[in-house]
Protein backbone atom coordinates (compact mmCIF):
# COMPACT_ATOMS: atom_id res chain seq x y z
CA MET A 1 0.10 -0.05 -0.02
CA LEU A 2 2.27 2.77 1.20
CA SER A 3 6.02 3.03 0.83
CA LYS A 4 8.21 6.03 0.84
CA LYS A 5 11.32 7.60 -0.91
CA THR A 6 13.13 10.81 -0.38
CA SER A 7 15.13 12.46 -3.05
CA ASN A 8 17.99 14.77 -2.15
CA THR A 9 19.60 17.52 -4.36
CA PRO A 10 23.00 18.56 -3.23
CA ASN A 11 23.42 22.13 -1.63
CA ASP A 12 19.52 22.41 -1.65
CA LEU A 13 17.69 23.14 1.44
CA THR A 14 14.50 21.40 0.18
CA ARG A 15 13.47 17.80 -0.46
CA THR A 16 11.07 15.96 -2.47
CA ILE A 17 9.34 13.10 -0.85
CA SER A 18 7.37 10.24 -2.59
CA ILE A 19 4.72 7.99 -1.43
CA TRP A 20 3.73 4.88 -3.41
CA LEU A 21 -0.01 4.26 -3.62
CA ASP A 22 -1.88 1.38 -4.99
CA GLU A 23 -5.11 3.61 -5.54
CA TYR A 24 -6.70 6.91 -4.40
CA ASP A 25 -8.30 5.44 -1.72
CA ASP A 26 -5.10 4.78 0.19
CA ILE A 27 -5.19 8.43 0.94
CA PHE A 28 -8.54 8.43 2.50
CA SER A 29 -10.40 6.73 5.33
CA ASP A 30 -11.92 3.40 4.52
CA PHE A 31 -14.94 4.25 6.59
CA ASP A 32 -15.93 7.49 4.82
CA SER A 33 -17.98 7.10 1.62
CA ARG A 34 -18.22 10.70 0.63
CA PRO A 35 -16.56 12.07 -2.50
CA TYR A 36 -12.73 12.81 -2.40
CA SER A 37 -13.34 16.63 -1.98
CA ASP A 38 -14.86 15.81 1.36
CA ARG A 39 -13.44 12.58 2.83
CA VAL A 40 -11.43 12.20 5.70
CA LEU A 41 -7.84 11.73 5.19
CA SER A 42 -6.63 8.36 6.45
CA ASP A 43 -4.60 8.12 9.66
CA ASP A 44 -2.13 5.69 8.06
CA PHE A 45 -1.54 8.09 5.05
CA ILE A 46 -0.86 11.11 7.44
CA SER A 47 1.22 9.04 9.74
CA GLU A 48 3.38 7.81 6.83
CA VAL A 49 3.78 11.48 5.35
CA THR A 50 4.76 12.69 9.09
CA LYS A 51 7.21 10.02 9.34
CA VAL A 52 9.05 10.74 6.00
CA CYS A 53 8.90 14.32 6.84
CA HIS A 54 10.43 13.93 10.09
CA GLU A 55 13.25 12.18 8.57
CA SER A 56 14.54 15.15 7.06
CA LYS A 57 15.24 18.51 8.79
CA PHE A 58 14.87 20.19 5.41
CA ASP A 59 11.84 21.86 3.97
CA ILE A 60 9.60 19.71 1.68
CA LYS A 61 9.60 21.15 -1.90
CA GLU A 62 7.03 18.54 -3.12
CA LEU A 63 5.04 15.59 -2.13
CA LYS A 64 4.86 13.20 -5.04
CA LEU A 65 1.99 10.49 -4.91
CA LEU A 66 2.99 7.51 -7.15
CA LEU A 67 0.39 5.52 -8.67
CA PRO A 68 0.15 2.78 -11.45
CA GLN A 69 -0.48 4.59 -14.97
CA LYS A 70 -3.68 2.65 -15.45
CA LYS A 71 -5.29 3.95 -12.40
CA ARG A 72 -4.56 7.71 -12.91
CA ASN A 73 -7.54 10.32 -13.36
CA GLU A 74 -6.41 13.79 -13.78
CA GLU A 75 -9.82 15.33 -12.76
CA VAL A 76 -9.55 13.28 -9.42
CA GLU A 77 -6.07 14.18 -8.90
CA LYS A 78 -6.87 17.91 -9.12
CA ILE A 79 -9.44 17.31 -6.29
CA ILE A 80 -7.41 15.34 -4.15
CA SER A 81 -4.48 17.76 -4.55
CA THR A 82 -6.78 20.65 -3.48
CA ARG A 83 -8.17 18.63 -0.54
CA LEU A 84 -4.63 17.71 0.75
CA ASP A 85 -3.44 21.35 0.24
CA ALA A 86 -6.52 22.64 2.13
CA PHE A 87 -5.88 20.10 4.92
CA PHE A 88 -2.24 20.80 5.39
CA LYS A 89 -2.88 24.53 5.27
CA LYS A 90 -5.72 24.46 7.71
CA ASN A 91 -3.82 22.49 10.37
CA TYR A 92 -0.92 24.72 9.88
CA LYS A 93 -3.01 27.71 10.74
CA GLN A 94 -4.64 25.91 13.61
CA PHE A 95 -1.37 24.69 15.16
CA THR A 96 0.16 28.43 14.69
CA LEU A 97 -2.92 29.68 16.47
CA ILE A 98 -2.65 27.25 19.33
CA LYS A 99 0.96 28.28 19.80
CA ARG A 100 0.02 31.92 19.69
CA LYS A 101 -2.80 31.37 22.41
CA THR A 102 -0.47 29.30 24.61
CA ILE A 103 2.16 31.97 24.60
CA ILE A 104 -0.31 34.88 25.37
CA LYS A 105 -2.00 32.77 27.98
CA GLY A 106 1.29 31.82 29.52
CA LEU A 107 2.63 35.28 29.75
CA LEU A 108 -0.80 36.68 31.19
CA ILE A 109 -0.60 33.86 33.95
CA PHE A 110 2.93 34.42 34.68
CA THR A 111 2.38 38.33 34.99
CA ALA A 112 -0.63 37.57 37.19
CA GLY A 113 1.56 35.28 39.40
CA VAL A 114 4.33 37.73 39.64
CA CYS A 115 1.61 40.43 40.75
CA LEU A 116 0.36 37.98 43.31
CA LEU A 117 3.87 37.43 44.70
CA MET A 118 4.44 41.19 44.73
CA LEU A 119 1.20 41.95 46.76
CA ALA A 120 2.24 39.07 49.29
CA SER A 121 5.75 40.55 49.52
CA TYR A 122 4.05 43.87 50.39
CA ILE A 123 1.64 42.30 53.05
CA SER A 124 4.93 40.48 54.36
CA VAL A 125 6.77 43.66 54.68
CA TYR A 126 3.73 45.46 56.12
CA LYS A 127 4.09 43.16 59.07
CA SER A 128 0.34 43.38 59.99
CA THR A 129 -0.90 41.22 62.89
CA THR A 130 -4.56 41.21 61.60
CA LEU A 131 -5.79 38.01 60.78
CA THR A 132 -7.37 39.03 57.52
CA LEU A 133 -3.84 40.11 56.26
CA ASN A 134 -2.21 37.07 57.39
CA ILE A 135 -4.97 34.77 55.73
CA LEU A 136 -4.41 36.89 52.59
CA PHE A 137 -0.62 36.37 52.56
CA VAL A 138 -1.02 32.63 53.09
CA ILE A 139 -3.41 32.44 49.99
CA LEU A 140 -1.34 34.83 47.86
CA GLU A 141 2.13 33.53 48.01
CA PRO A 142 1.59 30.03 47.08
CA THR A 143 -1.03 30.94 44.47
CA GLY A 144 1.57 33.32 43.00
CA TRP A 145 4.33 30.70 42.88
CA PHE A 146 1.97 28.27 41.31
CA MET A 147 0.79 30.48 38.62
CA ALA A 148 4.21 31.56 37.68
CA TRP A 149 5.80 28.27 37.67
CA SER A 150 2.81 26.53 35.64
CA SER A 151 2.70 29.13 33.19
CA LEU A 152 6.56 28.82 32.60
CA ASP A 153 6.07 25.14 32.21
CA ASP A 154 3.28 25.78 29.52
CA LEU A 155 5.61 28.49 27.82
CA PHE A 156 8.66 26.09 27.57
CA TYR A 157 7.35 22.45 27.67
CA ASP A 158 3.92 22.49 26.03
CA ILE A 159 5.02 24.55 23.09
CA LYS A 160 8.13 22.25 22.75
CA LYS A 161 5.77 19.24 22.63
CA LYS A 162 3.64 20.63 19.94
CA LYS A 163 6.55 21.93 17.77
CA PRO A 164 7.15 18.53 15.71
CA GLU A 165 3.35 18.87 14.57
CA LEU A 166 3.82 22.46 13.80
CA ASP A 167 6.96 21.77 11.81
CA PHE A 168 5.16 19.11 9.95
CA TYR A 169 2.36 21.29 8.99
CA THR A 170 4.71 24.15 8.22
CA LYS A 171 6.73 21.87 5.77
CA MET A 172 3.48 20.56 4.22
CA ALA A 173 1.65 23.83 3.65
CA LYS A 174 4.47 24.95 1.66
CA SER A 175 4.82 21.94 -0.48
CA LYS A 176 3.41 21.08 -3.92
CA ILE A 177 1.32 18.02 -4.18
CA SER A 178 1.65 16.09 -7.62
CA PHE A 179 0.78 12.79 -9.07
CA VAL A 180 3.52 10.67 -10.87
CA SER A 181 2.84 7.52 -12.88
CA ILE A 182 4.76 4.34 -12.00
CA LYS A 183 5.20 1.26 -14.19
């Protein structure tokens, strides 16, 4: 069904990857009977393309889908190319938006945590003996530390976990999709 091939050009910062298909249905889910323009992409297909992309740190110039000559249909290929291009671009935008939201949310929570710590420090320096201010200090200090550290965790580790997917969709959103005949 699926196999892969990567071609390299010396002194080039892009790569062409090739995926061998038996038929067009290898690209789509077996459980979806809608037309190619609406069908859900196969997890196996996306997984294989992801695996091939992660083998190279270079940009992907072109994704070649290799098919037997007798099974090719140019009209279907235009629909599938458009569908794949839209899928990769949509996911690229989605992961870029998720990254941006994570950064903004992390910075806002970090700032709020630092403000709470500053307020707790002010109460501590104030040396009030009132019960209310002591309770407020006990609540503010650990809350501020928790908010600051958890937001830094989001900023550094959550974004790093999502980086491979964002890199994949960045590469694929820029790539050209073409069909090639095989004998």
